[in-house]
Structures are given as structure tokens and as C-alpha cells.
Amino acid sequence: MAPSGLTGLLTRVRDALAADAHTDAELVREYAAGRSEPAFAERARQ
């Protein structure tokens, strides 16, 4: 049975966010390589 309503929406949002997530190691490498502010902000948010 496919999720519907709010459950379906939350599942899709969770999956979309997980697809864009970087590991801590990736974020640290990205920041170290070029002082990437977005990488630092994402790591701080986590």
C-alpha cells in the first residue's frame, strides 16, 4: 500500500533531504579544500 496524505509527503521530503545529505567527512574535506561556507554551514547545522 502506497503512503498517502501527510505520511506520503513526509516520506518524500525525508527521502529528498537524504539524497542531498553529505557525510561529515565530505563536508570537512570540502571546507578544508576551499573554505566552503555552505559546507561549513551544513556541518554546523547537523
PDB file of N, CA and C in Angstrom:
ATOM      1  N   MET A   1       0.840  -1.179   0.000  1.00  0.00           N
ATOM      2  CA  MET A   1       0.000   0.000   0.000  1.00  0.00           C
ATOM      3  C   MET A   1       0.888   1.247   0.000  1.00  0.00           C
ATOM      4  N   ALA A   2       0.642   2.167  -0.910  1.00  0.00           N
ATOM      5  CA  ALA A   2       1.434   3.387  -1.011  1.00  0.00           C
ATOM      6  C   ALA A   2       1.026   4.375   0.076  1.00  0.00           C
ATOM      7  N   PRO A   3       2.028   5.075   0.647  1.00  0.00           N
ATOM      8  CA  PRO A   3       1.688   6.087   1.651  1.00  0.00           C
ATOM      9  C   PRO A   3       0.880   7.216   1.028  1.00  0.00           C
ATOM     10  N   SER A   4      -0.007   7.791   1.795  1.00  0.00           N
ATOM     11  CA  SER A   4      -0.810   8.883   1.267  1.00  0.00           C
ATOM     12  C   SER A   4      -0.897   9.997   2.291  1.00  0.00           C
ATOM     13  N   GLY A   5      -1.412  11.121   1.859  1.00  0.00           N
ATOM     14  CA  GLY A   5      -1.610  12.255   2.752  1.00  0.00           C
ATOM     15  C   GLY A   5      -0.308  12.756   3.353  1.00  0.00           C
ATOM     16  N   LEU A   6      -0.383  13.124   4.614  1.00  0.00           N
ATOM     17  CA  LEU A   6       0.765  13.695   5.310  1.00  0.00           C
ATOM     18  C   LEU A   6       1.922  12.708   5.401  1.00  0.00           C
ATOM     19  N   THR A   7       1.627  11.443   5.624  1.00  0.00           N
ATOM     20  CA  THR A   7       2.682  10.429   5.711  1.00  0.00           C
ATOM     21  C   THR A   7       3.461  10.349   4.401  1.00  0.00           C
ATOM     22  N   GLY A   8       2.761  10.364   3.293  1.00  0.00           N
ATOM     23  CA  GLY A   8       3.415  10.325   1.987  1.00  0.00           C
ATOM     24  C   GLY A   8       4.269  11.548   1.739  1.00  0.00           C
ATOM     25  N   LEU A   9       3.750  12.709   2.105  1.00  0.00           N
ATOM     26  CA  LEU A   9       4.503  13.946   1.934  1.00  0.00           C
ATOM     27  C   LEU A   9       5.777  13.911   2.771  1.00  0.00           C
ATOM     28  N   LEU A  10       5.654  13.528   4.023  1.00  0.00           N
ATOM     29  CA  LEU A  10       6.832  13.485   4.896  1.00  0.00           C
ATOM     30  C   LEU A  10       7.857  12.467   4.409  1.00  0.00           C
ATOM     31  N   THR A  11       7.400  11.355   3.882  1.00  0.00           N
ATOM     32  CA  THR A  11       8.311  10.354   3.332  1.00  0.00           C
ATOM     33  C   THR A  11       9.080  10.924   2.149  1.00  0.00           C
ATOM     34  N   ARG A  12       8.374  11.622   1.257  1.00  0.00           N
ATOM     35  CA  ARG A  12       9.045  12.215   0.092  1.00  0.00           C
ATOM     36  C   ARG A  12      10.037  13.298   0.507  1.00  0.00           C
ATOM     37  N   VAL A  13       9.681  14.123   1.473  1.00  0.00           N
ATOM     38  CA  VAL A  13      10.586  15.175   1.957  1.00  0.00           C
ATOM     39  C   VAL A  13      11.826  14.536   2.581  1.00  0.00           C
ATOM     40  N   ARG A  14      11.618  13.532   3.431  1.00  0.00           N
ATOM     41  CA  ARG A  14      12.746  12.849   4.078  1.00  0.00           C
ATOM     42  C   ARG A  14      13.678  12.250   3.039  1.00  0.00           C
ATOM     43  N   ASP A  15      13.123  11.581   2.043  1.00  0.00           N
ATOM     44  CA  ASP A  15      13.935  10.958   1.008  1.00  0.00           C
ATOM     45  C   ASP A  15      14.705  11.991   0.185  1.00  0.00           C
ATOM     46  N   ALA A  16      14.070  13.113  -0.109  1.00  0.00           N
ATOM     47  CA  ALA A  16      14.743  14.162  -0.872  1.00  0.00           C
ATOM     48  C   ALA A  16      15.889  14.764  -0.078  1.00  0.00           C
ATOM     49  N   LEU A  17      15.683  14.979   1.201  1.00  0.00           N
ATOM     50  CA  LEU A  17      16.743  15.533   2.036  1.00  0.00           C
ATOM     51  C   LEU A  17      17.894  14.544   2.188  1.00  0.00           C
ATOM     52  N   ALA A  18      17.591  13.285   2.333  1.00  0.00           N
ATOM     53  CA  ALA A  18      18.632  12.269   2.482  1.00  0.00           C
ATOM     54  C   ALA A  18      19.469  12.163   1.214  1.00  0.00           C
ATOM     55  N   ALA A  19      18.855  12.355   0.066  1.00  0.00           N
ATOM     56  CA  ALA A  19      19.588  12.270  -1.196  1.00  0.00           C
ATOM     57  C   ALA A  19      20.603  13.398  -1.314  1.00  0.00           C
ATOM     58  N   ASP A  20      20.340  14.532  -0.679  1.00  0.00           N
ATOM     59  CA  ASP A  20      21.239  15.674  -0.750  1.00  0.00           C
ATOM     60  C   ASP A  20      22.239  15.724   0.398  1.00  0.00           C
ATOM     61  N   ALA A  21      22.109  14.837   1.351  1.00  0.00           N
ATOM     62  CA  ALA A  21      22.964  14.880   2.527  1.00  0.00           C
ATOM     63  C   ALA A  21      24.383  14.451   2.188  1.00  0.00           C
ATOM     64  N   HIS A  22      25.331  15.118   2.800  1.00  0.00           N
ATOM     65  CA  HIS A  22      26.738  14.754   2.673  1.00  0.00           C
ATOM     66  C   HIS A  22      27.192  14.170   3.997  1.00  0.00           C
ATOM     67  N   THR A  23      28.165  13.295   3.929  1.00  0.00           N
ATOM     68  CA  THR A  23      28.717  12.762   5.166  1.00  0.00           C
ATOM     69  C   THR A  23      29.557  13.839   5.834  1.00  0.00           C
ATOM     70  N   ASP A  24      29.813  13.666   7.113  1.00  0.00           N
ATOM     71  CA  ASP A  24      30.670  14.615   7.827  1.00  0.00           C
ATOM     72  C   ASP A  24      32.022  14.730   7.148  1.00  0.00           C
ATOM     73  N   ALA A  25      32.583  13.589   6.760  1.00  0.00           N
ATOM     74  CA  ALA A  25      33.905  13.596   6.125  1.00  0.00           C
ATOM     75  C   ALA A  25      33.885  14.396   4.819  1.00  0.00           C
ATOM     76  N   GLU A  26      32.828  14.248   4.030  1.00  0.00           N
ATOM     77  CA  GLU A  26      32.727  15.004   2.779  1.00  0.00           C
ATOM     78  C   GLU A  26      32.660  16.503   3.052  1.00  0.00           C
ATOM     79  N   LEU A  27      31.874  16.884   4.050  1.00  0.00           N
ATOM     80  CA  LEU A  27      31.738  18.303   4.375  1.00  0.00           C
ATOM     81  C   LEU A  27      33.055  18.883   4.873  1.00  0.00           C
ATOM     82  N   VAL A  28      33.765  18.146   5.703  1.00  0.00           N
ATOM     83  CA  VAL A  28      35.052  18.631   6.224  1.00  0.00           C
ATOM     84  C   VAL A  28      36.056  18.754   5.088  1.00  0.00           C
ATOM     85  N   ARG A  29      36.114  17.761   4.205  1.00  0.00           N
ATOM     86  CA  ARG A  29      37.039  17.836   3.055  1.00  0.00           C
ATOM     87  C   ARG A  29      36.706  19.029   2.169  1.00  0.00           C
ATOM     88  N   GLU A  30      35.428  19.242   1.903  1.00  0.00           N
ATOM     89  CA  GLU A  30      35.007  20.361   1.052  1.00  0.00           C
ATOM     90  C   GLU A  30      35.395  21.693   1.693  1.00  0.00           C
ATOM     91  N   TYR A  31      35.174  21.799   2.988  1.00  0.00           N
ATOM     92  CA  TYR A  31      35.533  23.038   3.686  1.00  0.00           C
ATOM     93  C   TYR A  31      37.044  23.236   3.678  1.00  0.00           C
ATOM     94  N   ALA A  32      37.807  22.186   3.957  1.00  0.00           N
ATOM     95  CA  ALA A  32      39.261  22.282   4.006  1.00  0.00           C
ATOM     96  C   ALA A  32      39.854  22.612   2.637  1.00  0.00           C
ATOM     97  N   ALA A  33      39.243  22.105   1.591  1.00  0.00           N
ATOM     98  CA  ALA A  33      39.763  22.323   0.241  1.00  0.00           C
ATOM     99  C   ALA A  33      39.624  23.767  -0.212  1.00  0.00           C
ATOM    100  N   GLY A  34      38.563  24.431   0.187  1.00  0.00           N
ATOM    101  CA  GLY A  34      38.371  25.784  -0.329  1.00  0.00           C
ATOM    102  C   GLY A  34      37.625  26.700   0.608  1.00  0.00           C
ATOM    103  N   ARG A  35      37.619  26.364   1.896  1.00  0.00           N
ATOM    104  CA  ARG A  35      36.905  27.184   2.887  1.00  0.00           C
ATOM    105  C   ARG A  35      35.464  27.424   2.447  1.00  0.00           C
ATOM    106  N   SER A  36      34.816  26.332   2.025  1.00  0.00           N
ATOM    107  CA  SER A  36      33.444  26.395   1.533  1.00  0.00           C
ATOM    108  C   SER A  36      32.484  26.778   2.662  1.00  0.00           C
ATOM    109  N   GLU A  37      31.932  27.960   2.575  1.00  0.00           N
ATOM    110  CA  GLU A  37      30.962  28.408   3.576  1.00  0.00           C
ATOM    111  C   GLU A  37      29.713  27.521   3.613  1.00  0.00           C
ATOM    112  N   PRO A  38      29.162  27.103   2.452  1.00  0.00           N
ATOM    113  CA  PRO A  38      28.000  26.212   2.506  1.00  0.00           C
ATOM    114  C   PRO A  38      28.318  24.885   3.211  1.00  0.00           C
ATOM    115  N   ALA A  39      29.502  24.341   2.998  1.00  0.00           N
ATOM    116  CA  ALA A  39      29.876  23.090   3.659  1.00  0.00           C
ATOM    117  C   ALA A  39      29.981  23.303   5.170  1.00  0.00           C
ATOM    118  N   PHE A  40      30.566  24.425   5.569  1.00  0.00           N
ATOM    119  CA  PHE A  40      30.688  24.727   6.992  1.00  0.00           C
ATOM    120  C   PHE A  40      29.302  24.907   7.619  1.00  0.00           C
ATOM    121  N   ALA A  41      28.428  25.617   6.926  1.00  0.00           N
ATOM    122  CA  ALA A  41      27.082  25.857   7.446  1.00  0.00           C
ATOM    123  C   ALA A  41      26.306  24.547   7.581  1.00  0.00           C
ATOM    124  N   GLU A  42      26.432  23.672   6.598  1.00  0.00           N
ATOM    125  CA  GLU A  42      25.735  22.388   6.662  1.00  0.00           C
ATOM    126  C   GLU A  42      26.260  21.546   7.823  1.00  0.00           C
ATOM    127  N   ARG A  43      27.567  21.534   8.009  1.00  0.00           N
ATOM    128  CA  ARG A  43      28.153  20.770   9.112  1.00  0.00           C
ATOM    129  C   ARG A  43      27.708  21.343  10.452  1.00  0.00           C
ATOM    130  N   ALA A  44      27.668  22.644  10.562  1.00  0.00           N
ATOM    131  CA  ALA A  44      27.217  23.285  11.797  1.00  0.00           C
ATOM    132  C   ALA A  44      25.737  22.986  12.056  1.00  0.00           C
ATOM    133  N   ARG A  45      24.945  22.940  10.999  1.00  0.00           N
ATOM    134  CA  ARG A  45      23.514  22.650  11.137  1.00  0.00           C
ATOM    135  C   ARG A  45      23.289  21.235  11.658  1.00  0.00           C
ATOM    136  N   GLN A  46      24.138  20.311  11.223  1.00  0.00           N
ATOM    137  CA  GLN A  46      23.976  18.922  11.645  1.00  0.00           C
ATOM    138  C   GLN A  46      24.320  18.811  13.104  1.00  0.00           C
TER     139      GLN A  46
END
